[in-house]
Amino acid sequence: MTSRSRFAKPSHASPPKPGKSAVSVLEDLSFSEGLALRTGAAADILAPNLRLLFVAINPSPLSAATLRPFSSPTHAFWRLLFVSGLTPVLIAPEQSRKLLVFGCGLISLAERATRLASEVFHHERKDGAVRVREIIRRVRPEVVALLGPTIAPLFLESHERTGVGWKTTRLEASDVFVLPNPSGRNCAYPGFQHKLIWYQQLAARWP
């Protein structure tokens, strides 16, 4: 597959009407016009034909209250994107929609905010996986990046459900990369550098 330009800008459309789900809004919009969605507890960030779509587990209470994803001081997400080269500038949580300028998007598996990802119920994960698959099918990102191996069993074949990195399983027509969860609570990949090498590996897709 030919990779899209690293910082290609997707087109945008008018914001969706209040009360509509991401999928129903996608049904209504023409992809030739593009779209920018704000749905769910922490506000999805979407456009068609992204080069990269991040899938998080769910928002924290702080992110849900402020509509600023990954706004905890201990969360390294935005710094990992910048230092790895996935974005050319350091994006602040309140500037999260700037991801679209660089061909990136962000959605959450579950909309309910919790302090810990482990507090997300099994049925919420299953329902969220259906929603995520539908969004991926319609938005058609080049690559889907799952933010944490704990999401992988919902989307990947059994032999690929552990570990991080590139996967041979595809989601709809999108390639899949599993990243370490960028949370400071991630004991499996402690510290910034242990996470950064995997974000750099993903960024190498777009030299």
Protein backbone atom coordinates (compact mmCIF):
# COMPACT_ATOMS: atom_id res chain seq x y z
CA MET A 1 0.00 0.00 0.00
CA THR A 2 1.24 3.50 -0.81
CA SER A 3 1.51 5.58 2.34
CA ARG A 4 -0.22 8.91 2.42
CA SER A 5 1.78 12.05 3.05
CA ARG A 6 2.83 12.31 6.68
CA PHE A 7 1.02 15.55 7.37
CA ALA A 8 -1.72 15.45 4.72
CA LYS A 9 -4.72 17.58 5.67
CA PRO A 10 -8.15 15.95 5.47
CA SER A 11 -11.13 18.06 4.47
CA HIS A 12 -13.74 19.10 7.03
CA ALA A 13 -17.49 19.60 7.09
CA SER A 14 -19.91 21.33 9.42
CA PRO A 15 -20.16 19.93 12.98
CA PRO A 16 -22.84 17.27 13.47
CA LYS A 17 -26.20 18.07 15.01
CA PRO A 18 -26.41 17.50 18.79
CA GLY A 19 -27.64 14.12 19.94
CA LYS A 20 -26.48 12.10 16.95
CA SER A 21 -24.05 9.22 17.31
CA ALA A 22 -20.79 9.11 15.38
CA VAL A 23 -22.09 6.36 13.14
CA SER A 24 -25.42 8.07 12.37
CA VAL A 25 -23.61 11.29 11.51
CA LEU A 26 -21.29 9.36 9.23
CA GLU A 27 -24.36 7.95 7.51
CA ASP A 28 -25.62 11.49 6.81
CA LEU A 29 -22.42 13.10 5.53
CA SER A 30 -20.82 12.88 2.12
CA PHE A 31 -17.20 11.78 2.38
CA SER A 32 -16.34 14.03 -0.55
CA GLU A 33 -17.15 16.93 1.78
CA GLY A 34 -15.35 15.47 4.80
CA LEU A 35 -16.41 15.60 8.41
CA ALA A 36 -15.29 16.63 11.88
CA LEU A 37 -17.13 14.90 14.71
CA ARG A 38 -17.37 15.67 18.41
CA THR A 39 -19.22 12.84 20.08
CA GLY A 40 -18.98 10.86 23.28
CA ALA A 41 -17.64 11.83 26.66
CA ALA A 42 -14.26 13.13 25.50
CA ALA A 43 -15.15 14.17 21.92
CA ASP A 44 -14.07 12.00 18.99
CA ILE A 45 -11.84 13.67 16.43
CA LEU A 46 -12.52 12.30 12.95
CA ALA A 47 -12.25 13.03 9.26
CA PRO A 48 -12.36 10.74 6.23
CA ASN A 49 -9.23 9.17 4.76
CA LEU A 50 -6.93 9.87 7.70
CA ARG A 51 -3.42 8.51 7.57
CA LEU A 52 -3.66 7.49 11.22
CA LEU A 53 -6.53 6.89 13.64
CA PHE A 54 -5.78 6.40 17.35
CA VAL A 55 -8.20 4.26 19.35
CA ALA A 56 -8.08 4.87 23.10
CA ILE A 57 -9.86 2.81 25.75
CA ASN A 58 -11.94 5.57 27.34
CA PRO A 59 -11.57 9.12 28.69
CA SER A 60 -10.47 10.04 32.17
CA PRO A 61 -12.87 12.07 34.33
CA LEU A 62 -10.72 15.17 33.74
CA SER A 63 -10.70 14.72 29.97
CA ALA A 64 -14.44 14.10 29.92
CA ALA A 65 -15.16 17.20 31.98
CA THR A 66 -12.94 19.51 29.92
CA LEU A 67 -13.22 17.86 26.46
CA ARG A 68 -9.41 17.83 26.46
CA PRO A 69 -8.11 14.31 25.69
CA PHE A 70 -5.12 13.04 27.64
CA SER A 71 -5.06 16.15 29.80
CA SER A 72 -3.58 14.53 32.91
CA PRO A 73 -0.09 15.85 33.70
CA THR A 74 1.17 12.25 33.96
CA HIS A 75 -0.09 11.32 30.49
CA ALA A 76 2.62 11.32 27.81
CA PHE A 77 0.42 10.96 24.71
CA TRP A 78 0.96 14.40 23.19
CA ARG A 79 4.68 14.46 23.96
CA LEU A 80 5.11 10.96 22.50
CA LEU A 81 3.48 12.09 19.25
CA PHE A 82 5.79 15.08 18.98
CA VAL A 83 9.08 13.47 19.99
CA SER A 84 8.45 10.44 17.77
CA GLY A 85 7.71 12.65 14.77
CA LEU A 86 4.06 11.64 14.40
CA THR A 87 3.21 15.34 14.73
CA PRO A 88 5.60 18.18 13.81
CA VAL A 89 4.57 20.30 16.80
CA LEU A 90 3.69 19.60 20.42
CA ILE A 91 -0.10 19.71 20.64
CA ALA A 92 -1.66 20.83 23.92
CA PRO A 93 -4.78 18.95 25.11
CA GLU A 94 -6.94 22.01 24.47
CA GLN A 95 -5.68 21.99 20.85
CA SER A 96 -6.55 18.33 20.30
CA ARG A 97 -8.48 18.96 17.09
CA LYS A 98 -5.21 20.10 15.56
CA LEU A 99 -4.56 16.39 15.06
CA LEU A 100 -6.72 16.66 11.93
CA VAL A 101 -4.27 19.13 10.42
CA PHE A 102 -1.66 16.37 10.46
CA GLY A 103 -3.94 13.66 9.10
CA CYS A 104 -4.59 12.04 12.48
CA GLY A 105 -7.77 11.27 14.40
CA LEU A 106 -8.76 10.02 17.84
CA ILE A 107 -11.71 8.00 19.14
CA SER A 108 -12.45 6.13 22.35
CA LEU A 109 -13.61 2.54 22.63
CA ALA A 110 -15.95 3.39 25.53
CA GLU A 111 -17.54 6.75 26.19
CA ARG A 112 -17.97 6.47 29.97
CA ALA A 113 -15.20 8.20 31.89
CA THR A 114 -13.36 6.20 34.56
CA ARG A 115 -10.27 6.72 36.68
CA LEU A 116 -8.80 3.39 35.54
CA ALA A 117 -9.22 1.56 32.23
CA SER A 118 -9.89 -1.62 34.20
CA GLU A 119 -13.13 -0.03 35.42
CA VAL A 120 -14.63 -0.18 31.92
CA PHE A 121 -17.20 -3.00 31.88
CA HIS A 122 -16.92 -5.92 29.48
CA HIS A 123 -20.19 -5.08 27.74
CA GLU A 124 -18.99 -1.49 27.23
CA ARG A 125 -15.86 -2.79 25.53
CA LYS A 126 -17.86 -5.12 23.28
CA ASP A 127 -20.37 -2.44 22.33
CA GLY A 128 -17.55 0.02 21.76
CA ALA A 129 -15.73 -2.41 19.48
CA VAL A 130 -18.78 -2.59 17.22
CA ARG A 131 -18.92 1.20 17.04
CA VAL A 132 -15.17 1.48 16.38
CA ARG A 133 -15.31 -1.06 13.55
CA GLU A 134 -18.15 0.82 11.91
CA ILE A 135 -16.33 4.12 12.15
CA ILE A 136 -13.15 2.57 10.72
CA ARG A 137 -15.13 1.09 7.84
CA ARG A 138 -16.56 4.49 6.95
CA VAL A 139 -13.63 6.78 7.71
CA ARG A 140 -11.08 4.47 6.04
CA PRO A 141 -7.85 5.45 7.82
CA GLU A 142 -4.59 4.14 6.40
CA VAL A 143 -3.48 2.88 9.83
CA VAL A 144 -5.37 2.20 13.06
CA ALA A 145 -3.24 2.55 16.20
CA LEU A 146 -4.68 0.80 19.26
CA LEU A 147 -3.54 2.57 22.42
CA GLY A 148 -2.71 -0.42 24.57
CA PRO A 149 -2.55 -4.22 24.14
CA THR A 150 -5.64 -4.60 26.35
CA ILE A 151 -7.73 -3.38 23.40
CA ALA A 152 -6.21 -5.89 20.98
CA PRO A 153 -8.38 -8.95 21.86
CA LEU A 154 -11.46 -7.05 20.68
CA PHE A 155 -10.06 -6.65 17.17
CA LEU A 156 -7.22 -9.09 16.44
CA GLU A 157 -6.84 -12.78 15.71
CA SER A 158 -5.95 -14.93 18.74
CA HIS A 159 -2.29 -15.33 17.75
CA GLU A 160 -1.80 -11.54 17.62
CA ARG A 161 -3.56 -10.46 20.79
CA THR A 162 -0.44 -9.90 22.89
CA GLY A 163 2.43 -7.49 22.50
CA VAL A 164 2.83 -4.25 20.61
CA GLY A 165 3.93 -3.34 17.09
CA TRP A 166 2.62 -4.07 13.61
CA LYS A 167 -0.03 -6.78 13.22
CA THR A 168 -0.92 -8.83 10.14
CA THR A 169 -4.64 -8.64 10.98
CA ARG A 170 -6.36 -5.72 9.25
CA LEU A 171 -9.36 -3.78 10.51
CA GLU A 172 -11.61 -3.39 7.52
CA ALA A 173 -9.05 -2.04 5.01
CA SER A 174 -6.73 -0.47 7.58
CA ASP A 175 -3.34 -1.68 8.78
CA VAL A 176 -3.03 -2.11 12.54
CA PHE A 177 -0.32 -1.07 14.97
CA VAL A 178 -0.62 -1.66 18.73
CA LEU A 179 1.07 1.02 20.84
CA PRO A 180 1.89 0.95 24.55
CA ASN A 181 -0.76 2.75 26.56
CA PRO A 182 0.74 6.24 27.04
CA SER A 183 -0.53 6.49 30.62
CA GLY A 184 1.99 7.10 33.36
CA ARG A 185 0.38 4.14 35.17
CA ASN A 186 1.56 1.72 32.46
CA CYS A 187 3.87 -0.63 34.35
CA ALA A 188 4.47 -2.92 31.37
CA TYR A 189 6.21 -0.08 29.52
CA PRO A 190 7.46 2.18 32.33
CA GLY A 191 8.91 5.58 31.65
CA PHE A 192 8.88 7.70 28.54
CA GLN A 193 11.65 5.99 26.57
CA HIS A 194 10.15 2.48 26.81
CA LYS A 195 7.01 3.82 25.17
CA LEU A 196 8.74 6.16 22.72
CA ILE A 197 10.54 3.45 20.72
CA TRP A 198 7.19 2.02 19.63
CA TYR A 199 5.78 5.41 18.66
CA GLN A 200 8.95 5.97 16.63
CA GLN A 201 8.49 2.61 14.91
CA LEU A 202 4.98 3.66 13.90
CA ALA A 203 6.21 7.07 12.71
CA ALA A 204 8.73 5.34 10.43
CA ARG A 205 5.74 4.38 8.25
CA TRP A 206 5.81 7.97 6.95
CA PRO A 207 9.48 8.93 6.44
